[in-house]
C-alpha atoms as a PDB file:
ATOM      1  CA  MET A   1     -16.200  -1.149  28.806  1.00  0.00           C
ATOM      2  CA  LYS A   2     -13.274  -1.666  31.191  1.00  0.00           C
ATOM      3  CA  ARG A   3     -11.901  -4.352  28.870  1.00  0.00           C
ATOM      4  CA  LEU A   4     -12.187  -1.996  25.909  1.00  0.00           C
ATOM      5  CA  ALA A   5     -10.426   0.829  27.773  1.00  0.00           C
ATOM      6  CA  VAL A   6      -7.562  -1.418  28.834  1.00  0.00           C
ATOM      7  CA  LEU A   7      -7.059  -2.722  25.319  1.00  0.00           C
ATOM      8  CA  LEU A   8      -7.053   0.746  23.826  1.00  0.00           C
ATOM      9  CA  CYS A   9      -4.464   1.863  26.379  1.00  0.00           C
ATOM     10  CA  CYS A  10      -2.299  -1.117  25.487  1.00  0.00           C
ATOM     11  CA  PHE A  11      -2.397  -0.234  21.823  1.00  0.00           C
ATOM     12  CA  VAL A  12      -1.183   3.283  22.611  1.00  0.00           C
ATOM     13  CA  ILE A  13       1.509   2.218  25.079  1.00  0.00           C
ATOM     14  CA  PHE A  14       3.166  -0.482  23.011  1.00  0.00           C
ATOM     15  CA  ALA A  15       5.599   1.217  20.637  1.00  0.00           C
ATOM     16  CA  GLY A  16       5.844  -1.424  17.936  1.00  0.00           C
ATOM     17  CA  LEU A  17       2.918  -0.715  15.662  1.00  0.00           C
ATOM     18  CA  PRO A  18       3.338   2.595  13.836  1.00  0.00           C
ATOM     19  CA  LEU A  19       0.124   4.319  14.882  1.00  0.00           C
ATOM     20  CA  PRO A  20       0.110   8.087  14.229  1.00  0.00           C
ATOM     21  CA  ALA A  21       0.831  10.039  17.400  1.00  0.00           C
ATOM     22  CA  ALA A  22      -2.335  12.062  17.131  1.00  0.00           C
ATOM     23  CA  ALA A  23      -4.532   9.229  15.875  1.00  0.00           C
ATOM     24  CA  ASN A  24      -7.965   8.568  17.320  1.00  0.00           C
ATOM     25  CA  VAL A  25      -7.247   4.982  18.385  1.00  0.00           C
ATOM     26  CA  THR A  26     -10.191   2.754  17.458  1.00  0.00           C
ATOM     27  CA  PRO A  27     -10.452  -0.930  16.534  1.00  0.00           C
ATOM     28  CA  VAL A  28     -10.328   0.113  12.869  1.00  0.00           C
ATOM     29  CA  THR A  29      -7.115   2.159  13.235  1.00  0.00           C
ATOM     30  CA  VAL A  30      -5.447  -0.653  15.171  1.00  0.00           C
ATOM     31  CA  LEU A  31      -6.578  -3.213  12.585  1.00  0.00           C
ATOM     32  CA  THR A  32      -5.177  -0.997   9.841  1.00  0.00           C
ATOM     33  CA  ALA A  33      -1.831  -0.791  11.638  1.00  0.00           C
ATOM     34  CA  VAL A  34      -1.765  -4.594  11.925  1.00  0.00           C
ATOM     35  CA  GLU A  35      -2.494  -4.935   8.191  1.00  0.00           C
ATOM     36  CA  GLU A  36       0.250  -2.473   7.314  1.00  0.00           C
ATOM     37  CA  THR A  37       2.694  -4.404   9.489  1.00  0.00           C
ATOM     38  CA  LEU A  38       1.737  -7.719   7.879  1.00  0.00           C
ATOM     39  CA  TYR A  39       1.053  -6.754   4.267  1.00  0.00           C
ATOM     40  CA  GLY A  40       2.508  -3.271   3.832  1.00  0.00           C
ATOM     41  CA  GLU A  41      -0.884  -1.668   3.201  1.00  0.00           C
ATOM     42  CA  ALA A  42      -4.327  -1.327   4.749  1.00  0.00           C
ATOM     43  CA  GLY A  43      -7.013  -3.796   3.736  1.00  0.00           C
ATOM     44  CA  THR A  44     -10.316  -3.021   2.061  1.00  0.00           C
ATOM     45  CA  GLY A  45     -13.810  -4.417   2.415  1.00  0.00           C
ATOM     46  CA  ALA A  46     -15.933  -5.337   5.403  1.00  0.00           C
ATOM     47  CA  LEU A  47     -14.282  -5.209   8.819  1.00  0.00           C
ATOM     48  CA  VAL A  48     -15.112  -8.819   9.668  1.00  0.00           C
ATOM     49  CA  GLU A  49     -13.601 -10.019   6.378  1.00  0.00           C
ATOM     50  CA  ARG A  50     -10.389  -8.130   7.106  1.00  0.00           C
ATOM     51  CA  ILE A  51     -10.153  -9.665  10.578  1.00  0.00           C
ATOM     52  CA  GLU A  52     -10.785 -13.155   9.218  1.00  0.00           C
ATOM     53  CA  ARG A  53      -8.121 -12.754   6.542  1.00  0.00           C
ATOM     54  CA  ILE A  54      -5.522 -11.842   9.167  1.00  0.00           C
ATOM     55  CA  GLU A  55      -6.581 -14.703  11.467  1.00  0.00           C
ATOM     56  CA  LYS A  56      -6.348 -17.255   8.653  1.00  0.00           C
ATOM     57  CA  ASP A  57      -2.894 -15.997   7.668  1.00  0.00           C
ATOM     58  CA  VAL A  58      -1.563 -15.801  11.243  1.00  0.00           C
ATOM     59  CA  PHE A  59      -3.303 -18.707  13.031  1.00  0.00           C
ATOM     60  CA  GLY A  60      -4.578 -20.828  10.153  1.00  0.00           C
ATOM     61  CA  SER A  61      -8.267 -20.455  11.029  1.00  0.00           C
ATOM     62  CA  VAL A  62     -10.921 -17.934  12.027  1.00  0.00           C
ATOM     63  CA  GLN A  63     -10.921 -17.265  15.774  1.00  0.00           C
ATOM     64  CA  GLU A  64     -13.760 -16.823  18.235  1.00  0.00           C
ATOM     65  CA  GLY A  65     -14.734 -13.793  20.307  1.00  0.00           C
ATOM     66  CA  ALA A  66     -15.731 -10.164  19.936  1.00  0.00           C
ATOM     67  CA  ALA A  67     -13.965  -8.103  17.281  1.00  0.00           C
ATOM     68  CA  MET A  68     -11.903  -6.109  19.792  1.00  0.00           C
ATOM     69  CA  VAL A  69     -10.709  -9.276  21.538  1.00  0.00           C
ATOM     70  CA  ARG A  70      -9.768 -10.857  18.207  1.00  0.00           C
ATOM     71  CA  ILE A  71      -7.785  -7.787  17.122  1.00  0.00           C
ATOM     72  CA  ASP A  72      -6.022  -7.765  20.496  1.00  0.00           C
ATOM     73  CA  ARG A  73      -5.172 -11.464  20.113  1.00  0.00           C
ATOM     74  CA  VAL A  74      -3.588 -10.867  16.704  1.00  0.00           C
ATOM     75  CA  TYR A  75      -1.708  -7.843  17.985  1.00  0.00           C
ATOM     76  CA  THR A  76      -0.267  -9.821  20.907  1.00  0.00           C
ATOM     77  CA  PHE A  77       0.965 -12.662  18.689  1.00  0.00           C
ATOM     78  CA  LEU A  78       2.321 -10.255  16.128  1.00  0.00           C
ATOM     79  CA  GLN A  79       3.922  -7.482  18.076  1.00  0.00           C
ATOM     80  CA  SER A  80       3.585  -7.246  21.848  1.00  0.00           C
ATOM     81  CA  THR A  81       6.910  -7.356  23.693  1.00  0.00           C
ATOM     82  CA  GLU A  82       4.950  -8.726  26.673  1.00  0.00           C
ATOM     83  CA  ALA A  83       3.760 -11.842  24.847  1.00  0.00           C
ATOM     84  CA  GLN A  84       4.626 -15.072  26.629  1.00  0.00           C
ATOM     85  CA  GLY A  85       7.538 -16.732  24.846  1.00  0.00           C
ATOM     86  CA  GLY A  86       8.065 -13.670  22.668  1.00  0.00           C
ATOM     87  CA  SER A  87       6.009 -12.214  19.846  1.00  0.00           C
ATOM     88  CA  MET A  88       5.960 -13.544  16.306  1.00  0.00           C
ATOM     89  CA  LYS A  89       7.746 -10.409  15.154  1.00  0.00           C
ATOM     90  CA  LEU A  90      10.493 -10.943  17.746  1.00  0.00           C
ATOM     91  CA  HIS A  91      11.058 -14.485  16.505  1.00  0.00           C
ATOM     92  CA  LEU A  92      11.127 -13.326  12.883  1.00  0.00           C
ATOM     93  CA  ASN A  93      13.656 -10.612  13.780  1.00  0.00           C
ATOM     94  CA  LEU A  94      15.856 -13.180  15.513  1.00  0.00           C
ATOM     95  CA  ALA A  95      15.603 -15.624  12.616  1.00  0.00           C
ATOM     96  CA  GLU A  96      16.341 -12.990   9.993  1.00  0.00           C
ATOM     97  CA  TRP A  97      19.259 -11.488  11.872  1.00  0.00           C
ATOM     98  CA  GLY A  98      20.660 -14.867  12.901  1.00  0.00           C
ATOM     99  CA  PHE A  99      20.696 -16.129   9.303  1.00  0.00           C
ATOM    100  CA  THR A 100      21.461 -13.025   7.227  1.00  0.00           C
ATOM    101  CA  GLY A 101      23.157 -10.669   9.709  1.00  0.00           C
ATOM    102  CA  VAL A 102      20.669  -7.992   8.625  1.00  0.00           C
ATOM    103  CA  LEU A 103      17.476  -6.825  10.353  1.00  0.00           C
ATOM    104  CA  THR A 104      14.886  -5.177   8.075  1.00  0.00           C
ATOM    105  CA  ASP A 105      12.104  -4.549  10.599  1.00  0.00           C
ATOM    106  CA  GLY A 106       9.796  -1.943   9.095  1.00  0.00           C
ATOM    107  CA  GLN A 107       9.206  -3.862   5.868  1.00  0.00           C
ATOM    108  CA  PRO A 108       6.029  -5.974   5.539  1.00  0.00           C
ATOM    109  CA  LEU A 109       6.325  -9.017   7.784  1.00  0.00           C
ATOM    110  CA  ILE A 110       5.068 -11.508   5.195  1.00  0.00           C
ATOM    111  CA  GLN A 111       7.480 -10.164   2.590  1.00  0.00           C
ATOM    112  CA  ARG A 112      10.394 -10.550   5.025  1.00  0.00           C
ATOM    113  CA  LEU A 113       9.380 -14.096   5.951  1.00  0.00           C
ATOM    114  CA  GLU A 114       8.967 -15.190   2.326  1.00  0.00           C
ATOM    115  CA  ARG A 115      12.379 -13.762   1.453  1.00  0.00           C
ATOM    116  CA  LEU A 116      13.948 -15.642   4.365  1.00  0.00           C
ATOM    117  CA  GLU A 117      12.200 -18.896   3.424  1.00  0.00           C
ATOM    118  CA  GLN A 118      13.327 -18.488  -0.180  1.00  0.00           C
ATOM    119  CA  GLU A 119      16.945 -18.218   0.927  1.00  0.00           C
ATOM    120  CA  TRP A 120      16.704 -21.063   3.458  1.00  0.00           C
ATOM    121  CA  PHE A 121      14.360 -23.600   1.821  1.00  0.00           C
ATOM    122  CA  GLY A 122      14.531 -22.497  -1.815  1.00  0.00           C
ATOM    123  CA  GLU A 123      10.899 -21.364  -1.902  1.00  0.00           C
ATOM    124  CA  PRO A 124       8.281 -19.682   0.332  1.00  0.00           C
ATOM    125  CA  GLN A 125       6.505 -22.128   2.617  1.00  0.00           C
ATOM    126  CA  SER A 126       2.772 -22.639   3.261  1.00  0.00           C
ATOM    127  CA  GLY A 127       0.763 -22.744   6.473  1.00  0.00           C
ATOM    128  CA  PRO A 128      -0.022 -20.287   9.286  1.00  0.00           C
ATOM    129  CA  LEU A 129       2.526 -17.550   9.876  1.00  0.00           C
ATOM    130  CA  THR A 130       2.946 -18.606  13.512  1.00  0.00           C
ATOM    131  CA  GLU A 131       4.116 -22.073  12.445  1.00  0.00           C
ATOM    132  CA  ARG A 132       6.310 -20.774   9.634  1.00  0.00           C
ATOM    133  CA  VAL A 133       8.123 -18.294  11.874  1.00  0.00           C
ATOM    134  CA  ARG A 134       8.527 -20.952  14.569  1.00  0.00           C
ATOM    135  CA  ASN A 135      10.015 -23.331  11.994  1.00  0.00           C
ATOM    136  CA  MET A 136      12.513 -20.668  10.941  1.00  0.00           C
ATOM    137  CA  MET A 137      13.546 -20.119  14.566  1.00  0.00           C
ATOM    138  CA  LEU A 138      14.002 -23.858  15.112  1.00  0.00           C
ATOM    139  CA  SER A 139      15.921 -24.235  11.856  1.00  0.00           C
ATOM    140  CA  ILE A 140      18.297 -21.371  12.600  1.00  0.00           C
ATOM    141  CA  TRP A 141      18.578 -21.284  16.399  1.00  0.00           C
ATOM    142  CA  GLY A 142      17.419 -24.763  17.356  1.00  0.00           C
ATOM    143  CA  THR A 143      15.035 -23.237  19.925  1.00  0.00           C
ATOM    144  CA  THR A 144      12.350 -20.608  20.344  1.00  0.00           C
ATOM    145  CA  ASP A 145      13.327 -19.948  23.955  1.00  0.00           C
ATOM    146  CA  LEU A 146      16.271 -17.541  24.197  1.00  0.00           C
ATOM    147  CA  ASP A 147      17.672 -15.688  27.203  1.00  0.00           C
ATOM    148  CA  VAL A 148      15.707 -12.415  27.320  1.00  0.00           C
ATOM    149  CA  LYS A 149      15.305  -9.787  30.023  1.00  0.00           C
ATOM    150  CA  LYS A 150      13.760  -6.326  30.153  1.00  0.00           C
ATOM    151  CA  VAL A 151      16.388  -3.562  30.174  1.00  0.00           C
ATOM    152  CA  THR A 152      16.324   0.217  29.806  1.00  0.00           C
ATOM    153  CA  LEU A 153      18.075   1.802  26.851  1.00  0.00           C
ATOM    154  CA  PRO A 154      19.102   5.227  28.249  1.00  0.00           C
ATOM    155  CA  GLU A 155      18.531   8.582  26.623  1.00  0.00           C
ATOM    156  CA  ALA A 156      21.502   9.775  24.536  1.00  0.00           C
ATOM    157  CA  THR A 157      22.881   6.252  24.011  1.00  0.00           C
ATOM    158  CA  LEU A 158      25.278   6.396  21.063  1.00  0.00           C
ATOM    159  CA  VAL A 159      24.373   4.346  17.981  1.00  0.00           C
ATOM    160  CA  LYS A 160      27.025   3.923  15.284  1.00  0.00           C
ATOM    161  CA  ILE A 161      25.554   3.865  11.780  1.00  0.00           C
ATOM    162  CA  ALA A 162      26.515   4.256   8.122  1.00  0.00           C
ATOM    163  CA  LEU A 163      24.449   5.491   5.195  1.00  0.00           C
ATOM    164  CA  LEU A 164      23.892   2.980   2.396  1.00  0.00           C
ATOM    165  CA  LYS A 165      24.080   5.671  -0.266  1.00  0.00           C
ATOM    166  CA  THR A 166      25.971   8.941  -0.545  1.00  0.00           C
ATOM    167  CA  VAL A 167      24.274  12.252   0.234  1.00  0.00           C
ATOM    168  CA  ASN A 168      25.611  15.475  -1.256  1.00  0.00           C
ATOM    169  CA  SER A 169      24.229  19.002  -1.268  1.00  0.00           C
ATOM    170  CA  GLY A 170      24.821  19.205  -5.013  1.00  0.00           C
ATOM    171  CA  THR A 171      22.706  16.202  -5.955  1.00  0.00           C
ATOM    172  CA  THR A 172      20.496  15.121  -3.031  1.00  0.00           C
ATOM    173  CA  LYS A 173      16.889  16.367  -3.002  1.00  0.00           C
ATOM    174  CA  VAL A 174      14.564  17.426  -0.196  1.00  0.00           C
ATOM    175  CA  GLY A 175      12.365  14.499   0.829  1.00  0.00           C
ATOM    176  CA  GLU A 176      14.835  11.901  -0.440  1.00  0.00           C
ATOM    177  CA  LYS A 177      14.887   8.665   1.566  1.00  0.00           C
ATOM    178  CA  VAL A 178      18.341   7.493   2.600  1.00  0.00           C
ATOM    179  CA  PRO A 179      18.699   3.940   3.937  1.00  0.00           C
ATOM    180  CA  TYR A 180      21.232   3.391   6.681  1.00  0.00           C
ATOM    181  CA  ARG A 181      22.540   0.493   8.741  1.00  0.00           C
ATOM    182  CA  VAL A 182      23.654   0.091  12.344  1.00  0.00           C
ATOM    183  CA  VAL A 183      27.312  -0.988  12.170  1.00  0.00           C
ATOM    184  CA  GLU A 184      28.022  -1.772  15.821  1.00  0.00           C
ATOM    185  CA  ASP A 185      25.938  -3.751  18.328  1.00  0.00           C
ATOM    186  CA  VAL A 186      24.175  -1.639  20.959  1.00  0.00           C
ATOM    187  CA  MET A 187      24.569  -3.469  24.272  1.00  0.00           C
ATOM    188  CA  ILE A 188      22.982  -2.791  27.669  1.00  0.00           C
ATOM    189  CA  ASP A 189      24.217  -4.745  30.719  1.00  0.00           C
ATOM    190  CA  GLY A 190      25.852  -7.272  28.430  1.00  0.00           C
ATOM    191  CA  ARG A 191      22.638  -7.809  26.479  1.00  0.00           C
ATOM    192  CA  MET A 192      22.086  -6.966  22.843  1.00  0.00           C
ATOM    193  CA  VAL A 193      19.232  -4.546  22.174  1.00  0.00           C
ATOM    194  CA  ILE A 194      20.005  -3.244  18.662  1.00  0.00           C
ATOM    195  CA  PRO A 195      22.230  -5.545  16.605  1.00  0.00           C
ATOM    196  CA  ALA A 196      24.708  -4.478  13.972  1.00  0.00           C
ATOM    197  CA  GLY A 197      23.011  -5.009  10.612  1.00  0.00           C
ATOM    198  CA  THR A 198      19.725  -3.387  11.620  1.00  0.00           C
ATOM    199  CA  GLU A 199      18.481  -1.198   8.763  1.00  0.00           C
ATOM    200  CA  ALA A 200      16.326   1.933   8.837  1.00  0.00           C
ATOM    201  CA  VAL A 201      15.602   4.946   6.641  1.00  0.00           C
ATOM    202  CA  ALA A 202      16.536   8.614   7.109  1.00  0.00           C
ATOM    203  CA  THR A 203      14.834  11.556   5.400  1.00  0.00           C
ATOM    204  CA  VAL A 204      16.515  14.615   3.918  1.00  0.00           C
ATOM    205  CA  THR A 205      14.557  17.614   5.199  1.00  0.00           C
ATOM    206  CA  GLU A 206      16.596  20.520   3.806  1.00  0.00           C
ATOM    207  CA  VAL A 207      19.124  20.992   0.985  1.00  0.00           C
ATOM    208  CA  THR A 208      21.014  24.076  -0.188  1.00  0.00           C
ATOM    209  CA  SER A 209      23.610  23.563  -2.902  1.00  0.00           C
ATOM    210  CA  ALA A 210      26.881  25.486  -3.011  1.00  0.00           C
ATOM    211  CA  GLY A 211      26.497  28.907  -4.582  1.00  0.00           C
ATOM    212  CA  PRO A 212      28.309  32.088  -5.565  1.00  0.00           C
ATOM    213  CA  LEU A 213      30.167  34.326  -3.112  1.00  0.00           C
ATOM    214  CA  GLY A 214      31.682  31.317  -1.421  1.00  0.00           C
ATOM    215  CA  ARG A 215      28.402  29.948  -0.108  1.00  0.00           C
ATOM    216  CA  ASP A 216      28.865  26.336   1.047  1.00  0.00           C
ATOM    217  CA  GLY A 217      26.223  23.693   0.602  1.00  0.00           C
ATOM    218  CA  ARG A 218      23.987  22.503   3.405  1.00  0.00           C
ATOM    219  CA  ILE A 219      21.985  19.322   4.122  1.00  0.00           C
ATOM    220  CA  VAL A 220      19.730  18.492   7.072  1.00  0.00           C
ATOM    221  CA  ILE A 221      18.927  14.820   7.771  1.00  0.00           C
ATOM    222  CA  ASP A 222      16.297  13.320  10.088  1.00  0.00           C
ATOM    223  CA  PHE A 223      17.137   9.743  11.128  1.00  0.00           C
ATOM    224  CA  GLY A 224      13.654   8.837  12.363  1.00  0.00           C
ATOM    225  CA  LYS A 225      13.376   5.492  14.145  1.00  0.00           C
ATOM    226  CA  VAL A 226      15.344   2.277  14.234  1.00  0.00           C
ATOM    227  CA  ALA A 227      13.970  -1.079  15.384  1.00  0.00           C
ATOM    228  CA  SER A 228      15.392  -2.919  18.362  1.00  0.00           C
ATOM    229  CA  LEU A 229      15.691  -6.688  18.266  1.00  0.00           C
ATOM    230  CA  ASP A 230      12.305  -7.145  19.960  1.00  0.00           C
ATOM    231  CA  GLY A 231      10.578  -4.862  17.428  1.00  0.00           C
ATOM    232  CA  THR A 232      10.320  -1.753  19.616  1.00  0.00           C
ATOM    233  CA  PHE A 233      11.085   1.351  17.563  1.00  0.00           C
ATOM    234  CA  VAL A 234      13.672   3.745  19.015  1.00  0.00           C
ATOM    235  CA  ASP A 235      13.784   7.428  18.026  1.00  0.00           C
ATOM    236  CA  LEU A 236      17.210   8.696  16.942  1.00  0.00           C
ATOM    237  CA  ARG A 237      18.676  12.188  16.720  1.00  0.00           C
ATOM    238  CA  VAL A 238      21.988  14.020  16.639  1.00  0.00           C
ATOM    239  CA  ASP A 239      22.759  16.010  19.757  1.00  0.00           C
ATOM    240  CA  GLN A 240      25.717  16.850  21.977  1.00  0.00           C
ATOM    241  CA  ARG A 241      27.135  13.344  22.539  1.00  0.00           C
ATOM    242  CA  ALA A 242      26.909  12.322  18.884  1.00  0.00           C
ATOM    243  CA  THR A 243      28.309  15.655  17.721  1.00  0.00           C
ATOM    244  CA  GLU A 244      31.335  15.304  19.989  1.00  0.00           C
ATOM    245  CA  LYS A 245      31.982  11.752  18.786  1.00  0.00           C
ATOM    246  CA  ASN A 246      31.654  12.805  15.164  1.00  0.00           C
ATOM    247  CA  LYS A 247      34.327  15.460  15.683  1.00  0.00           C
ATOM    248  CA  SER A 248      36.859  12.707  16.327  1.00  0.00           C
ATOM    249  CA  LEU A 249      35.916  11.198  12.952  1.00  0.00           C
ATOM    250  CA  GLU A 250      36.449  14.590  11.308  1.00  0.00           C
ATOM    251  CA  LEU A 251      32.905  14.347  10.044  1.00  0.00           C
ATOM    252  CA  ALA A 252      31.512  17.729   9.062  1.00  0.00           C
ATOM    253  CA  ALA A 253      28.277  17.377  10.957  1.00  0.00           C
ATOM    254  CA  GLY A 254      26.588  19.101  13.833  1.00  0.00           C
ATOM    255  CA  ALA A 255      23.259  19.104  15.641  1.00  0.00           C
ATOM    256  CA  SER A 256      20.492  21.549  14.990  1.00  0.00           C
ATOM    257  CA  MET A 257      17.923  22.546  17.611  1.00  0.00           C
ATOM    258  CA  ALA A 258      15.589  19.862  16.257  1.00  0.00           C
ATOM    259  CA  GLY A 259      18.171  17.149  16.910  1.00  0.00           C
ATOM    260  CA  VAL A 260      18.694  16.319  13.238  1.00  0.00           C
ATOM    261  CA  MET A 261      22.074  16.098  11.531  1.00  0.00           C
ATOM    262  CA  LEU A 262      23.283  19.265   9.861  1.00  0.00           C
ATOM    263  CA  LEU A 263      25.888  19.191   7.104  1.00  0.00           C
ATOM    264  CA  GLY A 264      26.941  22.732   6.269  1.00  0.00           C
ATOM    265  CA  PRO A 265      28.230  25.972   7.710  1.00  0.00           C
ATOM    266  CA  LEU A 266      25.199  27.319   9.609  1.00  0.00           C
ATOM    267  CA  GLY A 267      25.082  26.084  13.185  1.00  0.00           C
ATOM    268  CA  LEU A 268      27.983  23.736  12.516  1.00  0.00           C
ATOM    269  CA  VAL A 269      29.981  22.433  15.454  1.00  0.00           C
ATOM    270  CA  GLY A 270      33.600  21.535  14.726  1.00  0.00           C
ATOM    271  CA  GLY A 271      33.277  21.219  10.945  1.00  0.00           C
ATOM    272  CA  TYR A 272      35.955  21.123   8.233  1.00  0.00           C
ATOM    273  CA  PHE A 273      34.860  22.916   5.070  1.00  0.00           C
ATOM    274  CA  VAL A 274      36.238  24.691   2.048  1.00  0.00           C
ATOM    275  CA  LYS A 275      34.113  27.708   1.171  1.00  0.00           C
ATOM    276  CA  GLY A 276      31.934  27.431  -1.870  1.00  0.00           C
ATOM    277  CA  LYS A 277      31.924  23.632  -1.862  1.00  0.00           C
ATOM    278  CA  ASP A 278      29.099  21.129  -1.682  1.00  0.00           C
ATOM    279  CA  VAL A 279      29.029  18.973   1.442  1.00  0.00           C
ATOM    280  CA  GLY A 280      27.902  15.445   2.140  1.00  0.00           C
ATOM    281  CA  ILE A 281      28.598  12.010   3.597  1.00  0.00           C
ATOM    282  CA  GLU A 282      29.911   9.109   1.564  1.00  0.00           C
ATOM    283  CA  ALA A 283      28.126   5.768   1.671  1.00  0.00           C
ATOM    284  CA  ARG A 284      29.607   3.383   4.273  1.00  0.00           C
ATOM    285  CA  GLN A 285      31.219   6.234   6.237  1.00  0.00           C
ATOM    286  CA  PRO A 286      30.541   5.373   9.921  1.00  0.00           C
ATOM    287  CA  PHE A 287      29.326   8.074  12.300  1.00  0.00           C
ATOM    288  CA  TYR A 288      27.175   8.455  15.397  1.00  0.00           C
ATOM    289  CA  VAL A 289      23.596   9.325  16.217  1.00  0.00           C
ATOM    290  CA  GLU A 290      21.959   8.917  19.638  1.00  0.00           C
ATOM    291  CA  THR A 291      18.693   7.873  21.224  1.00  0.00           C
ATOM    292  CA  LEU A 292      16.112  10.590  21.812  1.00  0.00           C
ATOM    293  CA  ARG A 293      14.694   9.223  25.072  1.00  0.00           C
ATOM    294  CA  ALA A 294      14.986   6.289  27.471  1.00  0.00           C
ATOM    295  CA  VAL A 295      13.134   3.187  26.247  1.00  0.00           C
ATOM    296  CA  GLN A 296      12.375  -0.111  27.969  1.00  0.00           C
ATOM    297  CA  LEU A 297      12.869  -3.072  25.686  1.00  0.00           C
ATOM    298  CA  SER A 298      14.118  -6.637  25.611  1.00  0.00           C
ATOM    299  CA  GLY A 299      17.824  -7.328  25.926  1.00  0.00           C
ATOM    300  CA  PHE A 300      19.189 -10.635  24.653  1.00  0.00           C
ATOM    301  CA  ILE A 301      22.034 -12.930  25.390  1.00  0.00           C
ATOM    302  CA  LEU A 302      21.961 -15.113  22.331  1.00  0.00           C
ATOM    303  CA  ARG A 303      21.880 -18.496  24.004  1.00  0.00           C
ATOM    304  CA  PRO A 304      19.012 -20.784  25.080  1.00  0.00           C
ATOM    305  CA  ALA A 305      17.212 -19.617  28.209  1.00  0.00           C
ATOM    306  CA  ALA A 306      18.136 -21.406  31.432  1.00  0.00           C
ATOM    307  CA  ARG A 307      15.598 -24.007  32.525  1.00  0.00           C
END
């Protein structure tokens, strides 16, 4: 029972797998999160068959032990930032970013690996995922052992981003997903934690188009989470520091009480508007958001680790 309690605590503490905040954490919910990370969707069928499928894909063979231990083993290889030598997801992130300059953490891991193999080798490779990711690291970096150290990313750290498509109060809809990209490395103590090229998705939560009587348009955007290089997800918002920085860019954006970005006249801080006009942000226009809270994660100096 002590082993079970410790494992359940670990699954809650580690931030990588997107478990719902209010979820009742059980072996099944953790297994589902692993499947969604690997395949993009939860599996179906008997629990033991789902575990065996993952083990064959990740390790190349069915593993021994109780179900909870086997799920924990997969989780550690896949995601844990405490894994010795780095997790499989960390190595995939490094390989993808090192080769393409883009980090798409949040998409299904197998899909990302196959895309990378297609670009590098000309076709997806076969074999266990652990070996395939290791081969990509060796091909791109020449090593799987890079200089890594735990660092703390402070609350309210500025993150410079740009939307990958235009939003406008005249055309954008509530619930619309807006991809964005980090455009400047986030560094802590000389170590990279979120590289330029990292991609994430924002959500439009409110839209009011321009109307009669000089009513300006309004858009509210929630930037959600962005992945760090080690796979830890970092919550982003717009608050005082980002708002002040965005003033210098003459970006018509302020922070609401919920910490989202507000484009429009109500609650606006330092905006530049013409009455009765729709508002928005053009694609590729750089601006700032900031971290919601302090997070401990892995910082990298992209060189082989000292021996």
